[in-house]
Amino acid sequence: MQLKLFQSDVAKIFDVCEDSITGWENGRSVPQIQYYPKLIDFLGYNPFPVETETLGGRIKKYRIEYGLSHKKLGERIGVDASTVGAWEDNEHVPLAKFLRVIKELMNQKELS
């Protein structure tokens, strides 16, 4: 509203149909994760906050900000989707070889 954009304008920005925008606005649906990076950029903030005090939270934050499903991130790291989910839920800690890959992806010096 502040930008004086119509739903059709926003739909073009996200390359979705107007019905998707309507659904997102009224809570009938949520955007698929691949739209999260554009949505975060468009809004100027992350509407999907996660705790970042734990390694699992930082992994989830990375995944959300880059619009990656558990499966897609798992493919990049070399694990399956359920493993990524277990890390995010702090049920398991990544082995050292996977932690190195995660650090490289996230381009951070220290995650643990």
C-alpha atoms as a PDB file:
ATOM      1  CA  MET A   1       0.000   0.000   0.000  1.00  0.00           C
ATOM      2  CA  GLN A   2       2.775   2.420   0.923  1.00  0.00           C
ATOM      3  CA  LEU A   3       4.392   1.837  -2.454  1.00  0.00           C
ATOM      4  CA  LYS A   4       1.032   2.336  -4.188  1.00  0.00           C
ATOM      5  CA  LEU A   5       1.383  -0.944  -6.028  1.00  0.00           C
ATOM      6  CA  PHE A   6      -1.507  -3.020  -7.244  1.00  0.00           C
ATOM      7  CA  GLN A   7      -1.569  -6.763  -6.660  1.00  0.00           C
ATOM      8  CA  SER A   8      -0.867  -7.162 -10.374  1.00  0.00           C
ATOM      9  CA  ASP A   9       2.329  -5.097  -9.958  1.00  0.00           C
ATOM     10  CA  VAL A  10       3.481  -7.181  -7.021  1.00  0.00           C
ATOM     11  CA  ALA A  11       2.612 -10.386  -8.892  1.00  0.00           C
ATOM     12  CA  LYS A  12       4.911  -9.294 -11.728  1.00  0.00           C
ATOM     13  CA  ILE A  13       7.743  -8.603  -9.277  1.00  0.00           C
ATOM     14  CA  PHE A  14       7.451 -12.131  -7.888  1.00  0.00           C
ATOM     15  CA  ASP A  15       6.538 -13.734 -11.214  1.00  0.00           C
ATOM     16  CA  VAL A  16       3.371 -15.268  -9.769  1.00  0.00           C
ATOM     17  CA  CYS A  17      -0.332 -14.845 -10.489  1.00  0.00           C
ATOM     18  CA  GLU A  18      -2.409 -12.220  -8.687  1.00  0.00           C
ATOM     19  CA  ASP A  19      -4.275 -14.969  -6.827  1.00  0.00           C
ATOM     20  CA  SER A  20      -1.009 -15.943  -5.151  1.00  0.00           C
ATOM     21  CA  ILE A  21      -0.525 -12.407  -3.890  1.00  0.00           C
ATOM     22  CA  THR A  22      -4.122 -12.276  -2.668  1.00  0.00           C
ATOM     23  CA  GLY A  23      -3.653 -15.587  -0.847  1.00  0.00           C
ATOM     24  CA  TRP A  24      -0.435 -14.380   0.796  1.00  0.00           C
ATOM     25  CA  GLU A  25      -2.050 -11.131   1.891  1.00  0.00           C
ATOM     26  CA  ASN A  26      -5.112 -12.678   3.485  1.00  0.00           C
ATOM     27  CA  GLY A  27      -3.348 -15.687   4.993  1.00  0.00           C
ATOM     28  CA  ARG A  28      -5.059 -18.336   2.868  1.00  0.00           C
ATOM     29  CA  SER A  29      -1.664 -19.459   1.610  1.00  0.00           C
ATOM     30  CA  VAL A  30       2.003 -18.854   2.261  1.00  0.00           C
ATOM     31  CA  PRO A  31       4.713 -18.213  -0.288  1.00  0.00           C
ATOM     32  CA  GLN A  32       6.836 -21.154  -1.313  1.00  0.00           C
ATOM     33  CA  ILE A  33      10.349 -20.954   0.042  1.00  0.00           C
ATOM     34  CA  GLN A  34      11.902 -20.063  -3.308  1.00  0.00           C
ATOM     35  CA  TYR A  35      10.104 -16.692  -3.059  1.00  0.00           C
ATOM     36  CA  TYR A  36      11.512 -15.885   0.399  1.00  0.00           C
ATOM     37  CA  PRO A  37      14.649 -14.030  -0.785  1.00  0.00           C
ATOM     38  CA  LYS A  38      12.608 -11.730  -3.064  1.00  0.00           C
ATOM     39  CA  LEU A  39      10.002 -11.282  -0.355  1.00  0.00           C
ATOM     40  CA  ILE A  40      12.612 -10.354   2.248  1.00  0.00           C
ATOM     41  CA  ASP A  41      14.170  -7.886  -0.184  1.00  0.00           C
ATOM     42  CA  PHE A  42      10.783  -6.452  -1.171  1.00  0.00           C
ATOM     43  CA  LEU A  43       9.643  -5.960   2.423  1.00  0.00           C
ATOM     44  CA  GLY A  44      13.016  -4.793   3.674  1.00  0.00           C
ATOM     45  CA  TYR A  45      12.948  -7.261   6.567  1.00  0.00           C
ATOM     46  CA  ASN A  46      12.642 -10.980   7.194  1.00  0.00           C
ATOM     47  CA  PRO A  47       9.029 -11.862   8.095  1.00  0.00           C
ATOM     48  CA  PHE A  48      10.150 -15.397   8.959  1.00  0.00           C
ATOM     49  CA  PRO A  49      12.234 -14.799  12.075  1.00  0.00           C
ATOM     50  CA  VAL A  50      14.205 -17.657  13.583  1.00  0.00           C
ATOM     51  CA  GLU A  51      16.367 -17.853  16.648  1.00  0.00           C
ATOM     52  CA  THR A  52      20.045 -17.641  15.834  1.00  0.00           C
ATOM     53  CA  GLU A  53      21.504 -18.581  19.203  1.00  0.00           C
ATOM     54  CA  THR A  54      22.016 -22.172  18.075  1.00  0.00           C
ATOM     55  CA  LEU A  55      23.749 -23.672  15.072  1.00  0.00           C
ATOM     56  CA  GLY A  56      20.415 -25.146  14.000  1.00  0.00           C
ATOM     57  CA  GLY A  57      18.817 -21.712  14.044  1.00  0.00           C
ATOM     58  CA  ARG A  58      21.634 -20.231  11.983  1.00  0.00           C
ATOM     59  CA  ILE A  59      21.317 -23.035   9.435  1.00  0.00           C
ATOM     60  CA  LYS A  60      17.570 -22.406   9.197  1.00  0.00           C
ATOM     61  CA  LYS A  61      18.108 -18.644   8.829  1.00  0.00           C
ATOM     62  CA  TYR A  62      20.553 -19.266   5.982  1.00  0.00           C
ATOM     63  CA  ARG A  63      18.143 -21.662   4.273  1.00  0.00           C
ATOM     64  CA  ILE A  64      15.252 -19.194   4.518  1.00  0.00           C
ATOM     65  CA  GLU A  65      17.277 -16.204   3.336  1.00  0.00           C
ATOM     66  CA  TYR A  66      18.471 -18.140   0.287  1.00  0.00           C
ATOM     67  CA  GLY A  67      15.092 -19.710  -0.468  1.00  0.00           C
ATOM     68  CA  LEU A  68      16.275 -23.282  -0.101  1.00  0.00           C
ATOM     69  CA  SER A  69      14.139 -26.242   0.842  1.00  0.00           C
ATOM     70  CA  HIS A  70      15.565 -28.841   3.214  1.00  0.00           C
ATOM     71  CA  LYS A  71      16.158 -31.009   0.160  1.00  0.00           C
ATOM     72  CA  LYS A  72      18.000 -28.319  -1.823  1.00  0.00           C
ATOM     73  CA  LEU A  73      20.251 -27.380   1.079  1.00  0.00           C
ATOM     74  CA  GLY A  74      20.877 -31.039   1.786  1.00  0.00           C
ATOM     75  CA  GLU A  75      21.955 -31.564  -1.819  1.00  0.00           C
ATOM     76  CA  ARG A  76      24.460 -28.721  -1.502  1.00  0.00           C
ATOM     77  CA  ILE A  77      25.879 -30.163   1.702  1.00  0.00           C
ATOM     78  CA  GLY A  78      25.698 -33.848   0.739  1.00  0.00           C
ATOM     79  CA  VAL A  79      23.010 -35.037   3.159  1.00  0.00           C
ATOM     80  CA  ASP A  80      19.301 -35.764   2.919  1.00  0.00           C
ATOM     81  CA  ALA A  81      16.483 -33.369   3.772  1.00  0.00           C
ATOM     82  CA  SER A  82      15.664 -35.050   7.069  1.00  0.00           C
ATOM     83  CA  THR A  83      19.228 -34.520   8.264  1.00  0.00           C
ATOM     84  CA  VAL A  84      18.978 -30.793   7.572  1.00  0.00           C
ATOM     85  CA  GLY A  85      15.695 -30.746   9.494  1.00  0.00           C
ATOM     86  CA  ALA A  86      17.279 -32.561  12.436  1.00  0.00           C
ATOM     87  CA  TRP A  87      20.123 -30.034  12.491  1.00  0.00           C
ATOM     88  CA  GLU A  88      17.672 -27.130  12.412  1.00  0.00           C
ATOM     89  CA  ASP A  89      15.697 -28.672  15.261  1.00  0.00           C
ATOM     90  CA  ASN A  90      18.948 -29.128  17.183  1.00  0.00           C
ATOM     91  CA  GLU A  91      18.299 -32.861  17.398  1.00  0.00           C
ATOM     92  CA  HIS A  92      21.719 -33.619  15.890  1.00  0.00           C
ATOM     93  CA  VAL A  93      24.961 -31.764  15.315  1.00  0.00           C
ATOM     94  CA  PRO A  94      26.635 -31.929  11.892  1.00  0.00           C
ATOM     95  CA  LEU A  95      29.743 -34.072  11.613  1.00  0.00           C
ATOM     96  CA  ALA A  96      32.952 -32.087  11.130  1.00  0.00           C
ATOM     97  CA  LYS A  97      33.074 -32.733   7.361  1.00  0.00           C
ATOM     98  CA  PHE A  98      29.539 -31.360   6.938  1.00  0.00           C
ATOM     99  CA  LEU A  99      30.186 -28.483   9.309  1.00  0.00           C
ATOM    100  CA  ARG A 100      33.059 -27.394   7.057  1.00  0.00           C
ATOM    101  CA  VAL A 101      30.730 -27.366   4.056  1.00  0.00           C
ATOM    102  CA  ILE A 102      28.096 -25.438   6.009  1.00  0.00           C
ATOM    103  CA  LYS A 103      30.653 -22.866   7.133  1.00  0.00           C
ATOM    104  CA  GLU A 104      31.825 -22.473   3.566  1.00  0.00           C
ATOM    105  CA  LEU A 105      28.281 -22.014   2.303  1.00  0.00           C
ATOM    106  CA  MET A 106      27.458 -19.510   4.982  1.00  0.00           C
ATOM    107  CA  ASN A 107      30.834 -17.816   4.550  1.00  0.00           C
ATOM    108  CA  GLN A 108      31.263 -17.461   8.289  1.00  0.00           C
ATOM    109  CA  LYS A 109      34.371 -18.029  10.347  1.00  0.00           C
ATOM    110  CA  GLU A 110      32.641 -19.633  13.288  1.00  0.00           C
ATOM    111  CA  LEU A 111      29.270 -21.348  13.667  1.00  0.00           C
ATOM    112  CA  SER A 112      29.738 -23.628  16.628  1.00  0.00           C
END
